[in-house]
Amino acid sequence: MEIERGFARIAEGQVHFRSNVGANGGRPLVLIHMSPVASGFMVPLMEELGDSRPLIAPDTLGNGDSAAPNIENPEIAYFADGLRRALDVMGVKECDIYGVRTGAMIATELAIADPGRI
């Protein structure tokens, strides 16, 4: 499996993400890392999952190669909204989501705010 890197532009700037190349289609799985690491943390899991489905692992705002938040003291809802906006740019209308620690909090908040997508 090959993992490629890309960027989606939102109001704060570019959101960096990793995705698998050659996935067989189906519902994407979005993998959200804990803070303060980046999407590289998810690469071993992505390799295990292989090309069974589309995989997207973004760097949350302020981590890795993604732009910093544009407000002071952002809360989880802000990061979930940033993820929602990045997924919009990527054309991801529906997905499954997996998060680790802070990423799980962001994933839960996104599922509450946008239940039709998750």
PDB file of N, CA and C in Angstrom:
ATOM      1  N   MET A   1       0.829  -1.174   0.000  1.00  0.00           N
ATOM      2  CA  MET A   1       0.000   0.000   0.000  1.00  0.00           C
ATOM      3  C   MET A   1       0.880   1.246   0.000  1.00  0.00           C
ATOM      4  N   GLU A   2       0.477   2.216  -0.791  1.00  0.00           N
ATOM      5  CA  GLU A   2       1.201   3.485  -0.835  1.00  0.00           C
ATOM      6  C   GLU A   2       0.381   4.550  -0.108  1.00  0.00           C
ATOM      7  N   ILE A   3       1.051   5.350   0.695  1.00  0.00           N
ATOM      8  CA  ILE A   3       0.402   6.460   1.388  1.00  0.00           C
ATOM      9  C   ILE A   3       0.913   7.752   0.770  1.00  0.00           C
ATOM     10  N   GLU A   4      -0.030   8.599   0.362  1.00  0.00           N
ATOM     11  CA  GLU A   4       0.359   9.884  -0.195  1.00  0.00           C
ATOM     12  C   GLU A   4      -0.057  11.004   0.746  1.00  0.00           C
ATOM     13  N   ARG A   5       0.549  12.168   0.534  1.00  0.00           N
ATOM     14  CA  ARG A   5       0.255  13.344   1.345  1.00  0.00           C
ATOM     15  C   ARG A   5      -0.445  14.384   0.480  1.00  0.00           C
ATOM     16  N   GLY A   6      -1.323  15.145   1.108  1.00  0.00           N
ATOM     17  CA  GLY A   6      -2.031  16.198   0.392  1.00  0.00           C
ATOM     18  C   GLY A   6      -2.412  17.314   1.337  1.00  0.00           C
ATOM     19  N   PHE A   7      -3.030  18.329   0.783  1.00  0.00           N
ATOM     20  CA  PHE A   7      -3.468  19.485   1.561  1.00  0.00           C
ATOM     21  C   PHE A   7      -4.861  19.895   1.130  1.00  0.00           C
ATOM     22  N   ALA A   8      -5.649  20.334   2.093  1.00  0.00           N
ATOM     23  CA  ALA A   8      -6.962  20.929   1.843  1.00  0.00           C
ATOM     24  C   ALA A   8      -6.934  22.324   2.450  1.00  0.00           C
ATOM     25  N   ARG A   9      -7.372  23.309   1.690  1.00  0.00           N
ATOM     26  CA  ARG A   9      -7.321  24.697   2.176  1.00  0.00           C
ATOM     27  C   ARG A   9      -8.649  25.076   2.828  1.00  0.00           C
ATOM     28  N   ILE A  10      -8.549  25.557   4.082  1.00  0.00           N
ATOM     29  CA  ILE A  10      -9.695  26.118   4.797  1.00  0.00           C
ATOM     30  C   ILE A  10      -9.310  27.531   5.239  1.00  0.00           C
ATOM     31  N   ALA A  11     -10.181  28.194   5.977  1.00  0.00           N
ATOM     32  CA  ALA A  11      -9.952  29.600   6.346  1.00  0.00           C
ATOM     33  C   ALA A  11      -8.627  29.819   7.071  1.00  0.00           C
ATOM     34  N   GLU A  12      -8.213  28.884   7.913  1.00  0.00           N
ATOM     35  CA  GLU A  12      -6.977  29.034   8.677  1.00  0.00           C
ATOM     36  C   GLU A  12      -5.733  28.830   7.829  1.00  0.00           C
ATOM     37  N   GLY A  13      -5.872  28.193   6.707  1.00  0.00           N
ATOM     38  CA  GLY A  13      -4.739  27.847   5.849  1.00  0.00           C
ATOM     39  C   GLY A  13      -4.866  26.406   5.392  1.00  0.00           C
ATOM     40  N   GLN A  14      -3.737  25.760   5.178  1.00  0.00           N
ATOM     41  CA  GLN A  14      -3.742  24.395   4.667  1.00  0.00           C
ATOM     42  C   GLN A  14      -3.831  23.370   5.798  1.00  0.00           C
ATOM     43  N   VAL A  15      -4.656  22.350   5.555  1.00  0.00           N
ATOM     44  CA  VAL A  15      -4.738  21.187   6.442  1.00  0.00           C
ATOM     45  C   VAL A  15      -4.038  20.040   5.717  1.00  0.00           C
ATOM     46  N   HIS A  16      -2.993  19.533   6.336  1.00  0.00           N
ATOM     47  CA  HIS A  16      -2.235  18.415   5.765  1.00  0.00           C
ATOM     48  C   HIS A  16      -2.946  17.111   6.088  1.00  0.00           C
ATOM     49  N   PHE A  17      -2.914  16.176   5.132  1.00  0.00           N
ATOM     50  CA  PHE A  17      -3.480  14.855   5.397  1.00  0.00           C
ATOM     51  C   PHE A  17      -2.698  13.787   4.654  1.00  0.00           C
ATOM     52  N   ARG A  18      -2.828  12.576   5.134  1.00  0.00           N
ATOM     53  CA  ARG A  18      -2.277  11.392   4.485  1.00  0.00           C
ATOM     54  C   ARG A  18      -3.459  10.533   4.040  1.00  0.00           C
ATOM     55  N   SER A  19      -3.307   9.868   2.909  1.00  0.00           N
ATOM     56  CA  SER A  19      -4.355   8.971   2.430  1.00  0.00           C
ATOM     57  C   SER A  19      -3.715   7.803   1.694  1.00  0.00           C
ATOM     58  N   ASN A  20      -4.464   6.732   1.600  1.00  0.00           N
ATOM     59  CA  ASN A  20      -3.943   5.569   0.892  1.00  0.00           C
ATOM     60  C   ASN A  20      -4.249   5.676  -0.595  1.00  0.00           C
ATOM     61  N   VAL A  21      -3.378   5.110  -1.386  1.00  0.00           N
ATOM     62  CA  VAL A  21      -3.514   5.122  -2.841  1.00  0.00           C
ATOM     63  C   VAL A  21      -3.967   3.721  -3.263  1.00  0.00           C
ATOM     64  N   GLY A  22      -4.962   3.657  -4.110  1.00  0.00           N
ATOM     65  CA  GLY A  22      -5.388   2.360  -4.628  1.00  0.00           C
ATOM     66  C   GLY A  22      -6.436   1.662  -3.797  1.00  0.00           C
ATOM     67  N   ALA A  23      -7.110   2.406  -2.921  1.00  0.00           N
ATOM     68  CA  ALA A  23      -8.165   1.793  -2.110  1.00  0.00           C
ATOM     69  C   ALA A  23      -9.274   1.272  -3.022  1.00  0.00           C
ATOM     70  N   ASN A  24      -9.944   0.230  -2.570  1.00  0.00           N
ATOM     71  CA  ASN A  24     -10.982  -0.424  -3.365  1.00  0.00           C
ATOM     72  C   ASN A  24     -12.307   0.318  -3.370  1.00  0.00           C
ATOM     73  N   GLY A  25     -12.366   1.500  -2.845  1.00  0.00           N
ATOM     74  CA  GLY A  25     -13.620   2.243  -2.774  1.00  0.00           C
ATOM     75  C   GLY A  25     -14.334   1.961  -1.470  1.00  0.00           C
ATOM     76  N   GLY A  26     -15.537   2.400  -1.374  1.00  0.00           N
ATOM     77  CA  GLY A  26     -16.313   2.216  -0.154  1.00  0.00           C
ATOM     78  C   GLY A  26     -16.276   3.455   0.718  1.00  0.00           C
ATOM     79  N   ARG A  27     -16.822   3.324   1.882  1.00  0.00           N
ATOM     80  CA  ARG A  27     -16.946   4.432   2.832  1.00  0.00           C
ATOM     81  C   ARG A  27     -15.581   4.759   3.428  1.00  0.00           C
ATOM     82  N   PRO A  28     -15.150   6.013   3.337  1.00  0.00           N
ATOM     83  CA  PRO A  28     -13.838   6.381   3.887  1.00  0.00           C
ATOM     84  C   PRO A  28     -13.808   6.241   5.409  1.00  0.00           C
ATOM     85  N   LEU A  29     -12.633   5.951   5.917  1.00  0.00           N
ATOM     86  CA  LEU A  29     -12.370   5.951   7.350  1.00  0.00           C
ATOM     87  C   LEU A  29     -11.409   7.099   7.624  1.00  0.00           C
ATOM     88  N   VAL A  30     -11.830   8.038   8.468  1.00  0.00           N
ATOM     89  CA  VAL A  30     -11.008   9.176   8.845  1.00  0.00           C
ATOM     90  C   VAL A  30     -10.369   8.854  10.184  1.00  0.00           C
ATOM     91  N   LEU A  31      -9.039   8.957  10.254  1.00  0.00           N
ATOM     92  CA  LEU A  31      -8.272   8.603  11.451  1.00  0.00           C
ATOM     93  C   LEU A  31      -7.703   9.875  12.072  1.00  0.00           C
ATOM     94  N   ILE A  32      -8.068  10.154  13.325  1.00  0.00           N
ATOM     95  CA  ILE A  32      -7.668  11.391  13.982  1.00  0.00           C
ATOM     96  C   ILE A  32      -6.673  11.071  15.094  1.00  0.00           C
ATOM     97  N   HIS A  33      -5.498  11.666  15.010  1.00  0.00           N
ATOM     98  CA  HIS A  33      -4.415  11.432  15.972  1.00  0.00           C
ATOM     99  C   HIS A  33      -4.658  12.174  17.280  1.00  0.00           C
ATOM    100  N   MET A  34      -3.911  11.802  18.290  1.00  0.00           N
ATOM    101  CA  MET A  34      -3.926  12.541  19.553  1.00  0.00           C
ATOM    102  C   MET A  34      -3.014  13.752  19.430  1.00  0.00           C
ATOM    103  N   SER A  35      -3.173  14.689  20.333  1.00  0.00           N
ATOM    104  CA  SER A  35      -2.293  15.866  20.361  1.00  0.00           C
ATOM    105  C   SER A  35      -1.187  15.614  21.377  1.00  0.00           C
ATOM    106  N   PRO A  36      -0.013  16.105  21.148  1.00  0.00           N
ATOM    107  CA  PRO A  36       0.419  17.019  20.105  1.00  0.00           C
ATOM    108  C   PRO A  36       1.177  16.336  18.976  1.00  0.00           C
ATOM    109  N   VAL A  37       0.834  15.128  18.613  1.00  0.00           N
ATOM    110  CA  VAL A  37       1.525  14.463  17.500  1.00  0.00           C
ATOM    111  C   VAL A  37       0.831  14.836  16.183  1.00  0.00           C
ATOM    112  N   ALA A  38       1.071  14.094  15.125  1.00  0.00           N
ATOM    113  CA  ALA A  38       0.499  14.383  13.815  1.00  0.00           C
ATOM    114  C   ALA A  38       0.046  13.079  13.165  1.00  0.00           C
ATOM    115  N   SER A  39      -0.422  13.177  11.940  1.00  0.00           N
ATOM    116  CA  SER A  39      -0.995  12.021  11.246  1.00  0.00           C
ATOM    117  C   SER A  39       0.001  10.889  11.013  1.00  0.00           C
ATOM    118  N   GLY A  40       1.291  11.175  11.077  1.00  0.00           N
ATOM    119  CA  GLY A  40       2.285  10.108  10.961  1.00  0.00           C
ATOM    120  C   GLY A  40       2.080   9.034  12.015  1.00  0.00           C
ATOM    121  N   PHE A  41       1.488   9.409  13.140  1.00  0.00           N
ATOM    122  CA  PHE A  41       1.160   8.461  14.211  1.00  0.00           C
ATOM    123  C   PHE A  41       0.223   7.361  13.702  1.00  0.00           C
ATOM    124  N   MET A  42      -0.599   7.693  12.711  1.00  0.00           N
ATOM    125  CA  MET A  42      -1.595   6.752  12.199  1.00  0.00           C
ATOM    126  C   MET A  42      -1.077   5.852  11.082  1.00  0.00           C
ATOM    127  N   VAL A  43       0.121   6.109  10.595  1.00  0.00           N
ATOM    128  CA  VAL A  43       0.638   5.339   9.466  1.00  0.00           C
ATOM    129  C   VAL A  43       0.682   3.829   9.744  1.00  0.00           C
ATOM    130  N   PRO A  44       1.172   3.352  10.892  1.00  0.00           N
ATOM    131  CA  PRO A  44       1.156   1.904  11.111  1.00  0.00           C
ATOM    132  C   PRO A  44      -0.254   1.294  11.036  1.00  0.00           C
ATOM    133  N   LEU A  45      -1.238   1.989  11.577  1.00  0.00           N
ATOM    134  CA  LEU A  45      -2.613   1.499  11.486  1.00  0.00           C
ATOM    135  C   LEU A  45      -3.092   1.524  10.047  1.00  0.00           C
ATOM    136  N   MET A  46      -2.766   2.585   9.324  1.00  0.00           N
ATOM    137  CA  MET A  46      -3.147   2.652   7.916  1.00  0.00           C
ATOM    138  C   MET A  46      -2.541   1.488   7.138  1.00  0.00           C
ATOM    139  N   GLU A  47      -1.282   1.160   7.422  1.00  0.00           N
ATOM    140  CA  GLU A  47      -0.626   0.049   6.730  1.00  0.00           C
ATOM    141  C   GLU A  47      -1.315  -1.273   7.063  1.00  0.00           C
ATOM    142  N   GLU A  48      -1.750  -1.444   8.301  1.00  0.00           N
ATOM    143  CA  GLU A  48      -2.462  -2.672   8.687  1.00  0.00           C
ATOM    144  C   GLU A  48      -3.804  -2.778   7.969  1.00  0.00           C
ATOM    145  N   LEU A  49      -4.506  -1.658   7.849  1.00  0.00           N
ATOM    146  CA  LEU A  49      -5.809  -1.663   7.182  1.00  0.00           C
ATOM    147  C   LEU A  49      -5.673  -1.811   5.677  1.00  0.00           C
ATOM    148  N   GLY A  50      -4.542  -1.382   5.146  1.00  0.00           N
ATOM    149  CA  GLY A  50      -4.253  -1.563   3.728  1.00  0.00           C
ATOM    150  C   GLY A  50      -5.194  -0.794   2.827  1.00  0.00           C
ATOM    151  N   ASP A  51      -5.519  -1.388   1.700  1.00  0.00           N
ATOM    152  CA  ASP A  51      -6.350  -0.738   0.698  1.00  0.00           C
ATOM    153  C   ASP A  51      -7.781  -1.255   0.724  1.00  0.00           C
ATOM    154  N   SER A  52      -8.219  -1.747   1.871  1.00  0.00           N
ATOM    155  CA  SER A  52      -9.560  -2.292   1.982  1.00  0.00           C
ATOM    156  C   SER A  52     -10.643  -1.230   1.838  1.00  0.00           C
ATOM    157  N   ARG A  53     -10.274   0.021   2.087  1.00  0.00           N
ATOM    158  CA  ARG A  53     -11.207   1.146   1.974  1.00  0.00           C
ATOM    159  C   ARG A  53     -10.401   2.432   1.948  1.00  0.00           C
ATOM    160  N   PRO A  54     -10.975   3.547   1.524  1.00  0.00           N
ATOM    161  CA  PRO A  54     -10.247   4.812   1.572  1.00  0.00           C
ATOM    162  C   PRO A  54      -9.933   5.203   3.019  1.00  0.00           C
ATOM    163  N   LEU A  55      -8.711   5.638   3.252  1.00  0.00           N
ATOM    164  CA  LEU A  55      -8.258   6.074   4.575  1.00  0.00           C
ATOM    165  C   LEU A  55      -7.754   7.505   4.462  1.00  0.00           C
ATOM    166  N   ILE A  56      -8.159   8.343   5.410  1.00  0.00           N
ATOM    167  CA  ILE A  56      -7.716   9.737   5.434  1.00  0.00           C
ATOM    168  C   ILE A  56      -7.287  10.050   6.864  1.00  0.00           C
ATOM    169  N   ALA A  57      -6.049  10.509   7.014  1.00  0.00           N
ATOM    170  CA  ALA A  57      -5.517  10.868   8.327  1.00  0.00           C
ATOM    171  C   ALA A  57      -5.016  12.310   8.281  1.00  0.00           C
ATOM    172  N   PRO A  58      -5.838  13.261   8.727  1.00  0.00           N
ATOM    173  CA  PRO A  58      -5.399  14.661   8.705  1.00  0.00           C
ATOM    174  C   PRO A  58      -4.564  15.014   9.936  1.00  0.00           C
ATOM    175  N   ASP A  59      -3.712  16.020   9.775  1.00  0.00           N
ATOM    176  CA  ASP A  59      -3.070  16.655  10.924  1.00  0.00           C
ATOM    177  C   ASP A  59      -4.084  17.664  11.461  1.00  0.00           C
ATOM    178  N   THR A  60      -4.425  17.584  12.724  1.00  0.00           N
ATOM    179  CA  THR A  60      -5.356  18.562  13.271  1.00  0.00           C
ATOM    180  C   THR A  60      -4.709  19.941  13.268  1.00  0.00           C
ATOM    181  N   LEU A  61      -5.525  20.965  13.274  1.00  0.00           N
ATOM    182  CA  LEU A  61      -5.013  22.340  13.240  1.00  0.00           C
ATOM    183  C   LEU A  61      -3.985  22.554  14.349  1.00  0.00           C
ATOM    184  N   GLY A  62      -2.854  23.150  13.964  1.00  0.00           N
ATOM    185  CA  GLY A  62      -1.783  23.424  14.922  1.00  0.00           C
ATOM    186  C   GLY A  62      -0.829  22.273  15.148  1.00  0.00           C
ATOM    187  N   ASN A  63      -1.049  21.157  14.475  1.00  0.00           N
ATOM    188  CA  ASN A  63      -0.175  19.988  14.609  1.00  0.00           C
ATOM    189  C   ASN A  63       0.363  19.583  13.244  1.00  0.00           C
ATOM    190  N   GLY A  64       1.527  18.941  13.262  1.00  0.00           N
ATOM    191  CA  GLY A  64       2.125  18.470  12.015  1.00  0.00           C
ATOM    192  C   GLY A  64       2.310  19.600  11.027  1.00  0.00           C
ATOM    193  N   ASP A  65       1.868  19.374   9.803  1.00  0.00           N
ATOM    194  CA  ASP A  65       2.018  20.368   8.740  1.00  0.00           C
ATOM    195  C   ASP A  65       0.744  21.172   8.488  1.00  0.00           C
ATOM    196  N   SER A  66      -0.216  21.110   9.412  1.00  0.00           N
ATOM    197  CA  SER A  66      -1.439  21.890   9.253  1.00  0.00           C
ATOM    198  C   SER A  66      -1.272  23.281   9.851  1.00  0.00           C
ATOM    199  N   ALA A  67      -2.050  24.214   9.330  1.00  0.00           N
ATOM    200  CA  ALA A  67      -2.038  25.595   9.825  1.00  0.00           C
ATOM    201  C   ALA A  67      -2.464  25.642  11.294  1.00  0.00           C
ATOM    202  N   ALA A  68      -2.049  26.677  11.956  1.00  0.00           N
ATOM    203  CA  ALA A  68      -2.413  26.886  13.361  1.00  0.00           C
ATOM    204  C   ALA A  68      -3.846  27.407  13.469  1.00  0.00           C
ATOM    205  N   PRO A  69      -4.492  27.170  14.601  1.00  0.00           N
ATOM    206  CA  PRO A  69      -5.808  27.783  14.823  1.00  0.00           C
ATOM    207  C   PRO A  69      -5.707  29.304  14.719  1.00  0.00           C
ATOM    208  N   ASN A  70      -6.808  29.931  14.330  1.00  0.00           N
ATOM    209  CA  ASN A  70      -6.782  31.386  14.221  1.00  0.00           C
ATOM    210  C   ASN A  70      -7.477  32.082  15.391  1.00  0.00           C
ATOM    211  N   ILE A  71      -7.679  31.340  16.484  1.00  0.00           N
ATOM    212  CA  ILE A  71      -8.227  31.917  17.706  1.00  0.00           C
ATOM    213  C   ILE A  71      -7.354  31.479  18.877  1.00  0.00           C
ATOM    214  N   GLU A  72      -7.406  32.244  19.954  1.00  0.00           N
ATOM    215  CA  GLU A  72      -6.686  31.857  21.162  1.00  0.00           C
ATOM    216  C   GLU A  72      -7.504  30.828  21.927  1.00  0.00           C
ATOM    217  N   ASN A  73      -6.825  29.875  22.532  1.00  0.00           N
ATOM    218  CA  ASN A  73      -7.453  28.860  23.382  1.00  0.00           C
ATOM    219  C   ASN A  73      -8.625  28.135  22.719  1.00  0.00           C
ATOM    220  N   PRO A  74      -8.402  27.530  21.554  1.00  0.00           N
ATOM    221  CA  PRO A  74      -9.493  26.808  20.898  1.00  0.00           C
ATOM    222  C   PRO A  74      -9.907  25.591  21.719  1.00  0.00           C
ATOM    223  N   GLU A  75     -11.185  25.286  21.653  1.00  0.00           N
ATOM    224  CA  GLU A  75     -11.720  24.109  22.337  1.00  0.00           C
ATOM    225  C   GLU A  75     -11.985  23.008  21.312  1.00  0.00           C
ATOM    226  N   ILE A  76     -12.379  21.848  21.796  1.00  0.00           N
ATOM    227  CA  ILE A  76     -12.566  20.679  20.937  1.00  0.00           C
ATOM    228  C   ILE A  76     -13.555  20.967  19.804  1.00  0.00           C
ATOM    229  N   ALA A  77     -14.620  21.702  20.079  1.00  0.00           N
ATOM    230  CA  ALA A  77     -15.609  22.007  19.036  1.00  0.00           C
ATOM    231  C   ALA A  77     -14.961  22.762  17.871  1.00  0.00           C
ATOM    232  N   TYR A  78     -14.001  23.613  18.151  1.00  0.00           N
ATOM    233  CA  TYR A  78     -13.297  24.347  17.098  1.00  0.00           C
ATOM    234  C   TYR A  78     -12.524  23.378  16.207  1.00  0.00           C
ATOM    235  N   PHE A  79     -11.815  22.419  16.820  1.00  0.00           N
ATOM    236  CA  PHE A  79     -11.040  21.449  16.040  1.00  0.00           C
ATOM    237  C   PHE A  79     -11.968  20.548  15.222  1.00  0.00           C
ATOM    238  N   ALA A  80     -13.118  20.177  15.794  1.00  0.00           N
ATOM    239  CA  ALA A  80     -14.090  19.370  15.055  1.00  0.00           C
ATOM    240  C   ALA A  80     -14.626  20.141  13.857  1.00  0.00           C
ATOM    241  N   ASP A  81     -14.888  21.432  14.040  1.00  0.00           N
ATOM    242  CA  ASP A  81     -15.372  22.248  12.933  1.00  0.00           C
ATOM    243  C   ASP A  81     -14.297  22.395  11.854  1.00  0.00           C
ATOM    244  N   GLY A  82     -13.047  22.560  12.260  1.00  0.00           N
ATOM    245  CA  GLY A  82     -11.960  22.615  11.287  1.00  0.00           C
ATOM    246  C   GLY A  82     -11.872  21.330  10.484  1.00  0.00           C
ATOM    247  N   LEU A  83     -12.037  20.191  11.156  1.00  0.00           N
ATOM    248  CA  LEU A  83     -12.040  18.902  10.462  1.00  0.00           C
ATOM    249  C   LEU A  83     -13.229  18.822   9.506  1.00  0.00           C
ATOM    250  N   ARG A  84     -14.399  19.253   9.952  1.00  0.00           N
ATOM    251  CA  ARG A  84     -15.585  19.241   9.096  1.00  0.00           C
ATOM    252  C   ARG A  84     -15.348  20.058   7.827  1.00  0.00           C
ATOM    253  N   ARG A  85     -14.766  21.228   7.988  1.00  0.00           N
ATOM    254  CA  ARG A  85     -14.500  22.087   6.833  1.00  0.00           C
ATOM    255  C   ARG A  85     -13.465  21.470   5.901  1.00  0.00           C
ATOM    256  N   ALA A  86     -12.451  20.821   6.458  1.00  0.00           N
ATOM    257  CA  ALA A  86     -11.443  20.140   5.625  1.00  0.00           C
ATOM    258  C   ALA A  86     -12.075  18.982   4.858  1.00  0.00           C
ATOM    259  N   LEU A  87     -12.945  18.213   5.515  1.00  0.00           N
ATOM    260  CA  LEU A  87     -13.623  17.110   4.833  1.00  0.00           C
ATOM    261  C   LEU A  87     -14.515  17.637   3.713  1.00  0.00           C
ATOM    262  N   ASP A  88     -15.152  18.785   3.942  1.00  0.00           N
ATOM    263  CA  ASP A  88     -15.954  19.402   2.878  1.00  0.00           C
ATOM    264  C   ASP A  88     -15.090  19.672   1.649  1.00  0.00           C
ATOM    265  N   VAL A  89     -13.913  20.272   1.867  1.00  0.00           N
ATOM    266  CA  VAL A  89     -13.001  20.587   0.757  1.00  0.00           C
ATOM    267  C   VAL A  89     -12.560  19.314   0.042  1.00  0.00           C
ATOM    268  N   MET A  90     -12.350  18.243   0.800  1.00  0.00           N
ATOM    269  CA  MET A  90     -11.919  16.968   0.208  1.00  0.00           C
ATOM    270  C   MET A  90     -13.069  16.216  -0.456  1.00  0.00           C
ATOM    271  N   GLY A  91     -14.303  16.704  -0.300  1.00  0.00           N
ATOM    272  CA  GLY A  91     -15.454  16.043  -0.903  1.00  0.00           C
ATOM    273  C   GLY A  91     -15.946  14.830  -0.136  1.00  0.00           C
ATOM    274  N   VAL A  92     -15.598  14.730   1.136  1.00  0.00           N
ATOM    275  CA  VAL A  92     -16.027  13.593   1.969  1.00  0.00           C
ATOM    276  C   VAL A  92     -17.371  13.945   2.596  1.00  0.00           C
ATOM    277  N   LYS A  93     -18.437  13.376   2.044  1.00  0.00           N
ATOM    278  CA  LYS A  93     -19.784  13.684   2.520  1.00  0.00           C
ATOM    279  C   LYS A  93     -20.216  12.762   3.651  1.00  0.00           C
ATOM    280  N   GLU A  94     -19.733  11.523   3.644  1.00  0.00           N
ATOM    281  CA  GLU A  94     -20.026  10.538   4.687  1.00  0.00           C
ATOM    282  C   GLU A  94     -18.750   9.765   4.969  1.00  0.00           C
ATOM    283  N   CYS A  95     -18.555   9.396   6.234  1.00  0.00           N
ATOM    284  CA  CYS A  95     -17.365   8.627   6.584  1.00  0.00           C
ATOM    285  C   CYS A  95     -17.563   7.956   7.938  1.00  0.00           C
ATOM    286  N   ASP A  96     -16.722   6.992   8.187  1.00  0.00           N
ATOM    287  CA  ASP A  96     -16.554   6.449   9.529  1.00  0.00           C
ATOM    288  C   ASP A  96     -15.377   7.204  10.122  1.00  0.00           C
ATOM    289  N   ILE A  97     -15.305   7.233  11.439  1.00  0.00           N
ATOM    290  CA  ILE A  97     -14.241   8.021  12.057  1.00  0.00           C
ATOM    291  C   ILE A  97     -13.665   7.258  13.239  1.00  0.00           C
ATOM    292  N   TYR A  98     -12.355   7.378  13.399  1.00  0.00           N
ATOM    293  CA  TYR A  98     -11.625   6.723  14.480  1.00  0.00           C
ATOM    294  C   TYR A  98     -10.680   7.749  15.076  1.00  0.00           C
ATOM    295  N   GLY A  99     -10.679   7.864  16.381  1.00  0.00           N
ATOM    296  CA  GLY A  99      -9.792   8.816  17.024  1.00  0.00           C
ATOM    297  C   GLY A  99      -9.100   8.222  18.228  1.00  0.00           C
ATOM    298  N   VAL A 100      -7.907   8.735  18.515  1.00  0.00           N
ATOM    299  CA  VAL A 100      -7.116   8.315  19.669  1.00  0.00           C
ATOM    300  C   VAL A 100      -7.002   9.505  20.613  1.00  0.00           C
ATOM    301  N   ARG A 101      -7.413   9.327  21.841  1.00  0.00           N
ATOM    302  CA  ARG A 101      -7.327  10.337  22.899  1.00  0.00           C
ATOM    303  C   ARG A 101      -7.943  11.657  22.459  1.00  0.00           C
ATOM    304  N   THR A 102      -7.164  12.697  22.222  1.00  0.00           N
ATOM    305  CA  THR A 102      -7.722  13.970  21.773  1.00  0.00           C
ATOM    306  C   THR A 102      -8.485  13.768  20.468  1.00  0.00           C
ATOM    307  N   GLY A 103      -7.965  12.924  19.605  1.00  0.00           N
ATOM    308  CA  GLY A 103      -8.644  12.627  18.346  1.00  0.00           C
ATOM    309  C   GLY A 103     -10.014  12.014  18.560  1.00  0.00           C
ATOM    310  N   ALA A 104     -10.171  11.205  19.603  1.00  0.00           N
ATOM    311  CA  ALA A 104     -11.482  10.628  19.921  1.00  0.00           C
ATOM    312  C   ALA A 104     -12.448  11.713  20.369  1.00  0.00           C
ATOM    313  N   MET A 105     -11.941  12.698  21.087  1.00  0.00           N
ATOM    314  CA  MET A 105     -12.785  13.816  21.508  1.00  0.00           C
ATOM    315  C   MET A 105     -13.246  14.624  20.292  1.00  0.00           C
ATOM    316  N   ILE A 106     -12.334  14.870  19.367  1.00  0.00           N
ATOM    317  CA  ILE A 106     -12.670  15.599  18.139  1.00  0.00           C
ATOM    318  C   ILE A 106     -13.673  14.794  17.319  1.00  0.00           C
ATOM    319  N   ALA A 107     -13.447  13.494  17.201  1.00  0.00           N
ATOM    320  CA  ALA A 107     -14.350  12.625  16.439  1.00  0.00           C
ATOM    321  C   ALA A 107     -15.751  12.619  17.050  1.00  0.00           C
ATOM    322  N   THR A 108     -15.821  12.536  18.360  1.00  0.00           N
ATOM    323  CA  THR A 108     -17.122  12.535  19.040  1.00  0.00           C
ATOM    324  C   THR A 108     -17.846  13.853  18.825  1.00  0.00           C
ATOM    325  N   GLU A 109     -17.134  14.951  18.955  1.00  0.00           N
ATOM    326  CA  GLU A 109     -17.729  16.272  18.756  1.00  0.00           C
ATOM    327  C   GLU A 109     -18.230  16.430  17.327  1.00  0.00           C
ATOM    328  N   LEU A 110     -17.463  15.952  16.353  1.00  0.00           N
ATOM    329  CA  LEU A 110     -17.888  16.029  14.963  1.00  0.00           C
ATOM    330  C   LEU A 110     -19.149  15.181  14.747  1.00  0.00           C
ATOM    331  N   ALA A 111     -19.207  14.001  15.341  1.00  0.00           N
ATOM    332  CA  ALA A 111     -20.376  13.136  15.197  1.00  0.00           C
ATOM    333  C   ALA A 111     -21.621  13.783  15.794  1.00  0.00           C
ATOM    334  N   ILE A 112     -21.458  14.510  16.893  1.00  0.00           N
ATOM    335  CA  ILE A 112     -22.588  15.219  17.506  1.00  0.00           C
ATOM    336  C   ILE A 112     -23.031  16.381  16.622  1.00  0.00           C
ATOM    337  N   ALA A 113     -22.064  17.139  16.105  1.00  0.00           N
ATOM    338  CA  ALA A 113     -22.363  18.338  15.326  1.00  0.00           C
ATOM    339  C   ALA A 113     -22.853  18.020  13.914  1.00  0.00           C
ATOM    340  N   ASP A 114     -22.414  16.884  13.354  1.00  0.00           N
ATOM    341  CA  ASP A 114     -22.715  16.562  11.968  1.00  0.00           C
ATOM    342  C   ASP A 114     -23.056  15.073  11.844  1.00  0.00           C
ATOM    343  N   PRO A 115     -24.154  14.631  12.504  1.00  0.00           N
ATOM    344  CA  PRO A 115     -24.429  13.199  12.567  1.00  0.00           C
ATOM    345  C   PRO A 115     -24.711  12.551  11.210  1.00  0.00           C
ATOM    346  N   GLY A 116     -25.165  13.317  10.238  1.00  0.00           N
ATOM    347  CA  GLY A 116     -25.421  12.748   8.922  1.00  0.00           C
ATOM    348  C   GLY A 116     -24.154  12.368   8.180  1.00  0.00           C
ATOM    349  N   ARG A 117     -23.037  12.947   8.561  1.00  0.00           N
ATOM    350  CA  ARG A 117     -21.763  12.651   7.903  1.00  0.00           C
ATOM    351  C   ARG A 117     -21.103  11.419   8.523  1.00  0.00           C
ATOM    352  N   ILE A 118     -21.214  11.251   9.822  1.00  0.00           N
ATOM    353  CA  ILE A 118     -20.495  10.202  10.556  1.00  0.00           C
ATOM    354  C   ILE A 118     -21.370   8.975  10.719  1.00  0.00           C
TER     355      ILE A 118
END
